[in-house]
Amino acid sequence: MSRPNAQSMKPATAAKKLDVYLPATPAEFQENTITRAELAALQADPPQWLKDLRKNGPHPKNLVAAKLGISIAGLTRGGVEKALTTEQIDALLEEKPDWLVIERESYQNVLREQRRIKSLHADQDREA
C-alpha cells in the first residue's frame, strides 16, 4: 500500500485554502491534485480566473456568511443553500430582508458574549 503524496492535496482542500467555490473553478483545477508549490504559486500570483472568482464569486458559504455578517447556520435558516455572487450578496445587504436583520443581530449578540467570556477568563487567569 503506497501512501499518498503528503505534498499534494485534493482540489477541494486547495479551493478551501484559496477561499473559492470549487464548482466555479476551471475543470483542470477540479480534476487534478494540487501540490503545495502550485498552491503557493496561485496565492502569490493568482491567475485571472482566480482573481475573477475572488472578486465576483460565486463565493463559498463561509465567505458569503462573513460578507453578510452572519453565521453559516444563519445562511441556512435564511434559506440560502447555494453559493452567491458578489452582486447577489450586495443585493441582500441593500434589501435587508427580515431574516438577514434578525441573523445579523443574533450573530452580533453571540460575538459579544464570546468576547465577554474571553475577557472573564483572561481576568481569572491574571488573578490566578
Foldseek 3Di string as FASTA:
>chain_A
DDDPDPQWAALVVLCVVLQADSVQDDPVSNPDIGGPVNSVVCVVPNDPSSVCCVQWHLGDLCVLQVLLQADSVLCVVVVNDDRDTPVVSVVCVVVVPPSSVVRNVVSVVVVVVVVVVVVVVVVVVVVD
